[in-house]
Amino acid sequence: MEKKISYQDKSFRYLHPLVLWRARTLLIHLIKRDLLVSYKQTFIGMTWVLIKPFAMSLTIVFVFDRIGQFPDYGFPYLLIALSAMTLWEFFSNAVSRGCICIVDDRDLIVRANFPRVLLAINSALRNSIGFFANLVLVFAIMAYYQVPISVNIIFIPIIFIFTLLLNLSLSLWFGTLNVFFRDVQTLIPFLIRIGLFISPVAFTLQSVPEQWKSLFSINPLVGLIESLRYCLLGEKFWPGTETLLIGVTSLTVLLLSGVYVFGKNERKFADVI
């Protein structure tokens, strides 16, 4: 007889694929709910997912290209900035939501029996539509500037998956910490602002001195952003094997530790919040 897997089973591992599959309907509901709440009573609705990164990219072009006088990369600077901002918006929105994903759904946690990790997964997926919508915008601007589309775009789904894993890792970490220390949700917006300047959004990896590249690459976003530029704009933006290996190692550590910390504390959530 098939053993029934219960979420309350003492032997339960909270990332059991079968349990998550059975809870897929709840995950879909959470995604739809957050999507509706995000754009409820807005005049232009989901158009905001295009306006925000485009406006930020224009600001970066003005501040860093006009004033900073960065070197000529052989592409319009708007494309270089927007390709990075596309991934940055996806990441920053997920982390912002991931930090409060547990405390914001306290009623659901107290009243319902479900895999709590769904809340972190929902946060990781946040703004996925915006990511692909902004890619379409990048392609449109590439067409305007007559920049050919690289065959490397076939690797974009891989970059998307790795970014999802990074989003999930930080959602697990910050979501758990914020249950016990509410200072975290105040700190996260500040950290995200800092992250924007220490990630290659307004500049490229080529601008970083050679002796600092390995240390810089510990930030998983470095390899991800440069890889997306490589997929969109070609070989000139290849981040290098070392950068990718360092980034994947950092991501693996973040993910495994996030899974452990979340799993160790999830049973306490209902009592603490």
Protein backbone atom coordinates (compact mmCIF):
# COMPACT_ATOMS: atom_id res chain seq x y z
CA MET A 1 0.00 0.00 0.00
CA GLU A 2 1.29 3.48 -0.91
CA LYS A 3 2.35 5.44 2.13
CA LYS A 4 0.46 8.69 2.48
CA ILE A 5 2.80 11.60 2.96
CA SER A 6 1.50 14.11 5.46
CA TYR A 7 2.94 17.53 6.03
CA GLN A 8 2.75 16.86 9.75
CA ASP A 9 4.62 13.56 9.48
CA LYS A 10 7.67 13.71 11.78
CA SER A 11 9.78 12.12 9.06
CA PHE A 12 8.65 14.72 6.53
CA ARG A 13 11.23 16.63 4.59
CA TYR A 14 9.65 19.95 3.76
CA LEU A 15 10.92 19.98 0.18
CA HIS A 16 9.53 16.55 -0.65
CA PRO A 17 8.65 16.76 -4.39
CA LEU A 18 5.40 14.83 -3.96
CA VAL A 19 4.14 17.15 -1.22
CA LEU A 20 5.05 20.22 -3.28
CA TRP A 21 3.34 18.76 -6.34
CA ARG A 22 0.15 18.15 -4.36
CA ALA A 23 0.28 21.76 -3.15
CA ARG A 24 0.72 23.22 -6.66
CA THR A 25 -2.85 24.58 -6.69
CA LEU A 26 -2.09 26.69 -3.62
CA LEU A 27 1.10 27.98 -5.24
CA ILE A 28 -0.83 29.03 -8.34
CA HIS A 29 -3.39 30.77 -6.13
CA LEU A 30 -0.64 32.65 -4.27
CA ILE A 31 0.95 33.79 -7.52
CA LYS A 32 -2.39 35.02 -8.90
CA ARG A 33 -3.22 36.77 -5.63
CA ASP A 34 0.06 38.67 -5.50
CA LEU A 35 -0.22 39.61 -9.17
CA LEU A 36 -3.69 41.07 -8.66
CA VAL A 37 -2.74 42.89 -5.46
CA SER A 38 0.38 44.41 -7.05
CA TYR A 39 -1.52 46.14 -9.85
CA LYS A 40 -4.95 46.62 -8.28
CA GLN A 41 -6.36 50.13 -8.84
CA THR A 42 -3.38 51.23 -10.97
CA PHE A 43 -4.13 53.27 -14.08
CA ILE A 44 -1.67 51.54 -16.42
CA GLY A 45 -1.62 48.15 -14.68
CA MET A 46 1.19 45.77 -15.61
CA THR A 47 2.78 48.35 -17.91
CA TRP A 48 4.69 49.35 -14.78
CA VAL A 49 6.87 46.23 -15.17
CA LEU A 50 8.27 47.82 -18.34
CA ILE A 51 8.36 51.44 -17.20
CA LYS A 52 10.38 50.93 -14.00
CA PRO A 53 13.49 49.20 -15.43
CA PHE A 54 13.41 51.35 -18.58
CA ALA A 55 13.28 54.56 -16.51
CA MET A 56 16.08 53.30 -14.25
CA SER A 57 18.16 52.42 -17.31
CA LEU A 58 17.69 55.91 -18.75
CA THR A 59 18.82 57.36 -15.41
CA ILE A 60 21.90 55.14 -15.42
CA VAL A 61 22.70 56.19 -18.99
CA PHE A 62 22.53 59.86 -18.01
CA VAL A 63 24.44 59.61 -14.73
CA PHE A 64 27.09 57.02 -15.55
CA ASP A 65 27.56 57.36 -19.30
CA ARG A 66 27.25 61.13 -19.71
CA ILE A 67 28.89 62.18 -16.45
CA GLY A 68 31.09 59.16 -15.77
CA GLN A 69 32.25 58.84 -19.39
CA PHE A 70 32.52 55.05 -19.44
CA PRO A 71 34.46 53.48 -22.32
CA ASP A 72 32.76 52.60 -25.58
CA TYR A 73 31.60 48.98 -25.45
CA GLY A 74 30.54 48.86 -29.09
CA PHE A 75 26.84 48.87 -28.18
CA PRO A 76 24.39 51.62 -27.20
CA TYR A 77 24.84 52.13 -23.47
CA LEU A 78 21.06 51.94 -23.03
CA LEU A 79 21.14 48.29 -24.13
CA ILE A 80 23.99 47.47 -21.76
CA ALA A 81 22.13 49.03 -18.83
CA LEU A 82 18.67 47.68 -19.70
CA SER A 83 19.88 44.10 -20.18
CA ALA A 84 21.27 44.21 -16.63
CA MET A 85 18.28 46.08 -15.20
CA THR A 86 15.96 43.39 -16.60
CA LEU A 87 17.56 40.78 -14.36
CA TRP A 88 18.10 43.18 -11.46
CA GLU A 89 14.39 44.10 -11.27
CA PHE A 90 13.46 40.41 -11.26
CA PHE A 91 15.93 39.74 -8.45
CA SER A 92 15.26 42.81 -6.27
CA ASN A 93 11.47 42.41 -6.39
CA ALA A 94 11.77 38.76 -5.37
CA VAL A 95 14.09 39.50 -2.45
CA SER A 96 11.95 42.41 -1.22
CA ARG A 97 8.90 40.17 -1.18
CA GLY A 98 10.82 37.15 0.12
CA CYS A 99 11.86 39.02 3.24
CA ILE A 100 8.24 39.51 4.34
CA CYS A 101 6.71 36.40 2.75
CA ILE A 102 6.23 34.61 6.10
CA VAL A 103 5.08 37.47 8.33
CA ASP A 104 2.71 38.85 5.69
CA ASP A 105 0.89 35.52 5.47
CA ARG A 106 0.71 34.89 9.21
CA ASP A 107 -3.04 34.14 9.08
CA LEU A 108 -2.49 31.49 6.44
CA ILE A 109 0.36 29.93 8.41
CA VAL A 110 -1.62 29.80 11.66
CA ARG A 111 -4.85 28.44 10.15
CA ALA A 112 -3.74 26.15 7.32
CA ASN A 113 -1.54 23.08 7.04
CA PHE A 114 0.63 23.43 3.94
CA PRO A 115 4.34 23.43 3.00
CA ARG A 116 5.53 26.83 4.20
CA VAL A 117 8.25 26.80 1.56
CA LEU A 118 5.55 27.62 -1.01
CA LEU A 119 5.60 31.18 0.32
CA ALA A 120 9.31 31.47 -0.48
CA ILE A 121 8.84 29.83 -3.89
CA ASN A 122 6.05 32.28 -4.65
CA SER A 123 8.39 35.15 -3.77
CA ALA A 124 11.16 33.70 -5.94
CA LEU A 125 8.78 33.58 -8.90
CA ARG A 126 7.61 37.15 -8.28
CA ASN A 127 7.85 39.32 -11.39
CA SER A 128 8.74 36.41 -13.71
CA ILE A 129 6.29 37.89 -16.20
CA GLY A 130 8.11 41.20 -15.88
CA PHE A 131 11.44 39.51 -16.64
CA PHE A 132 10.24 38.12 -19.95
CA ALA A 133 8.27 41.26 -20.80
CA ASN A 134 11.43 43.31 -20.35
CA LEU A 135 13.34 40.90 -22.55
CA VAL A 136 10.84 41.69 -25.31
CA LEU A 137 11.54 45.39 -24.69
CA VAL A 138 15.29 44.73 -24.99
CA PHE A 139 14.73 42.92 -28.30
CA ALA A 140 12.64 45.85 -29.55
CA ILE A 141 15.42 48.33 -28.70
CA MET A 142 17.98 46.01 -30.30
CA ALA A 143 15.90 46.08 -33.48
CA TYR A 144 15.74 49.88 -33.31
CA TYR A 145 19.53 50.13 -33.07
CA GLN A 146 19.90 47.33 -35.66
CA VAL A 147 21.80 45.11 -33.24
CA PRO A 148 21.64 41.48 -34.45
CA ILE A 149 20.16 38.88 -32.12
CA SER A 150 22.79 36.43 -30.91
CA VAL A 151 22.29 32.68 -31.15
CA ASN A 152 23.26 32.63 -27.46
CA ILE A 153 19.69 33.61 -26.51
CA ILE A 154 18.99 29.87 -26.29
CA PHE A 155 20.78 29.96 -22.91
CA ILE A 156 18.45 32.58 -21.40
CA PRO A 157 16.16 29.93 -19.79
CA ILE A 158 19.21 28.57 -17.92
CA ILE A 159 20.01 32.06 -16.59
CA PHE A 160 16.36 32.42 -15.58
CA ILE A 161 16.46 29.16 -13.61
CA PHE A 162 19.68 30.09 -11.80
CA THR A 163 18.23 33.50 -10.93
CA LEU A 164 15.13 31.76 -9.57
CA LEU A 165 17.37 29.63 -7.35
CA LEU A 166 19.16 32.75 -6.11
CA ASN A 167 15.80 34.41 -5.42
CA LEU A 168 14.66 31.31 -3.53
CA SER A 169 17.89 31.10 -1.53
CA LEU A 170 17.60 34.67 -0.25
CA SER A 171 13.84 34.37 0.30
CA LEU A 172 14.46 31.33 2.52
CA TRP A 173 17.20 33.14 4.43
CA PHE A 174 15.61 36.57 4.86
CA GLY A 175 12.08 35.23 5.27
CA THR A 176 13.22 33.06 8.18
CA LEU A 177 15.36 35.75 9.82
CA ASN A 178 12.55 38.29 9.57
CA VAL A 179 10.23 36.05 11.60
CA PHE A 180 12.58 36.34 14.58
CA PHE A 181 14.14 39.76 13.92
CA ARG A 182 11.81 42.29 12.28
CA ASP A 183 14.75 44.66 11.78
CA VAL A 184 15.54 42.57 8.70
CA GLN A 185 12.64 43.97 6.68
CA THR A 186 13.88 47.48 7.44
CA LEU A 187 17.44 46.56 6.47
CA ILE A 188 16.64 44.82 3.16
CA PRO A 189 15.73 47.95 1.10
CA PHE A 190 19.05 49.49 2.19
CA LEU A 191 20.97 46.34 1.20
CA ILE A 192 19.21 46.24 -2.17
CA ARG A 193 20.30 49.82 -2.88
CA ILE A 194 23.88 48.90 -2.04
CA GLY A 195 23.59 45.76 -4.16
CA LEU A 196 22.65 47.83 -7.19
CA PHE A 197 26.03 49.57 -7.04
CA ILE A 198 28.17 46.51 -6.29
CA SER A 199 26.59 44.48 -9.10
CA PRO A 200 27.49 45.11 -12.77
CA VAL A 201 24.29 46.97 -13.63
CA ALA A 202 25.65 50.43 -14.46
CA PHE A 203 29.00 49.01 -15.58
CA THR A 204 30.38 45.73 -16.91
CA LEU A 205 32.79 43.15 -15.55
CA GLN A 206 35.39 44.50 -17.97
CA SER A 207 35.52 47.69 -15.90
CA VAL A 208 36.64 45.79 -12.78
CA PRO A 209 40.43 45.59 -12.24
CA GLU A 210 41.75 42.10 -12.94
CA GLN A 211 43.02 41.56 -9.39
CA TRP A 212 39.54 42.18 -7.97
CA LYS A 213 37.48 40.09 -10.38
CA SER A 214 37.60 36.85 -8.37
CA LEU A 215 36.47 38.60 -5.18
CA PHE A 216 33.83 40.54 -7.12
CA SER A 217 32.51 37.29 -8.63
CA ILE A 218 31.52 35.92 -5.21
CA ASN A 219 28.34 37.92 -5.79
CA PRO A 220 26.23 35.42 -7.84
CA LEU A 221 24.57 38.32 -9.67
CA VAL A 222 27.86 39.16 -11.39
CA GLY A 223 27.93 35.94 -13.40
CA LEU A 224 24.17 36.03 -14.01
CA ILE A 225 24.04 39.63 -15.26
CA GLU A 226 27.12 39.26 -17.46
CA SER A 227 25.78 35.95 -18.81
CA LEU A 228 22.52 37.64 -19.78
CA ARG A 229 24.48 40.37 -21.57
CA TYR A 230 26.45 37.63 -23.29
CA CYS A 231 23.23 35.96 -24.45
CA LEU A 232 21.75 39.22 -25.71
CA LEU A 233 24.74 41.16 -27.01
CA GLY A 234 27.32 38.53 -27.89
CA GLU A 235 30.80 37.21 -27.13
CA LYS A 236 32.21 40.53 -25.91
CA PHE A 237 30.38 40.10 -22.61
CA TRP A 238 31.41 36.51 -21.85
CA PRO A 239 32.04 36.59 -18.06
CA GLY A 240 34.68 33.86 -18.08
CA THR A 241 34.66 30.33 -16.70
CA GLU A 242 36.24 31.35 -13.37
CA THR A 243 33.56 33.99 -12.74
CA LEU A 244 30.79 31.49 -13.46
CA LEU A 245 32.31 28.77 -11.25
CA ILE A 246 32.75 31.16 -8.33
CA GLY A 247 29.18 32.44 -8.76
CA VAL A 248 27.68 28.94 -8.94
CA THR A 249 29.63 27.92 -5.82
CA SER A 250 28.30 30.95 -3.92
CA LEU A 251 24.77 30.23 -5.11
CA THR A 252 25.03 26.57 -4.04
CA VAL A 253 26.18 27.59 -0.54
CA LEU A 254 23.35 30.13 -0.25
CA LEU A 255 20.73 27.63 -1.43
CA LEU A 256 21.81 24.71 0.76
CA SER A 257 22.20 26.89 3.85
CA GLY A 258 18.86 28.59 3.13
CA VAL A 259 17.11 25.23 2.85
CA TYR A 260 18.69 24.12 6.14
CA VAL A 261 17.85 27.31 8.07
CA PHE A 262 14.27 27.40 6.78
CA GLY A 263 13.72 23.70 7.47
CA LYS A 264 15.17 23.99 10.97
CA ASN A 265 12.85 26.84 11.93
CA GLU A 266 9.63 26.48 9.93
CA ARG A 267 7.79 24.60 12.70
CA LYS A 268 8.33 27.62 14.99
CA PHE A 269 6.80 30.14 12.58
CA ALA A 270 3.20 29.78 13.77
CA ASP A 271 4.23 30.26 17.42
CA VAL A 272 6.52 33.25 16.86
CA ILE A 273 4.53 35.37 14.41
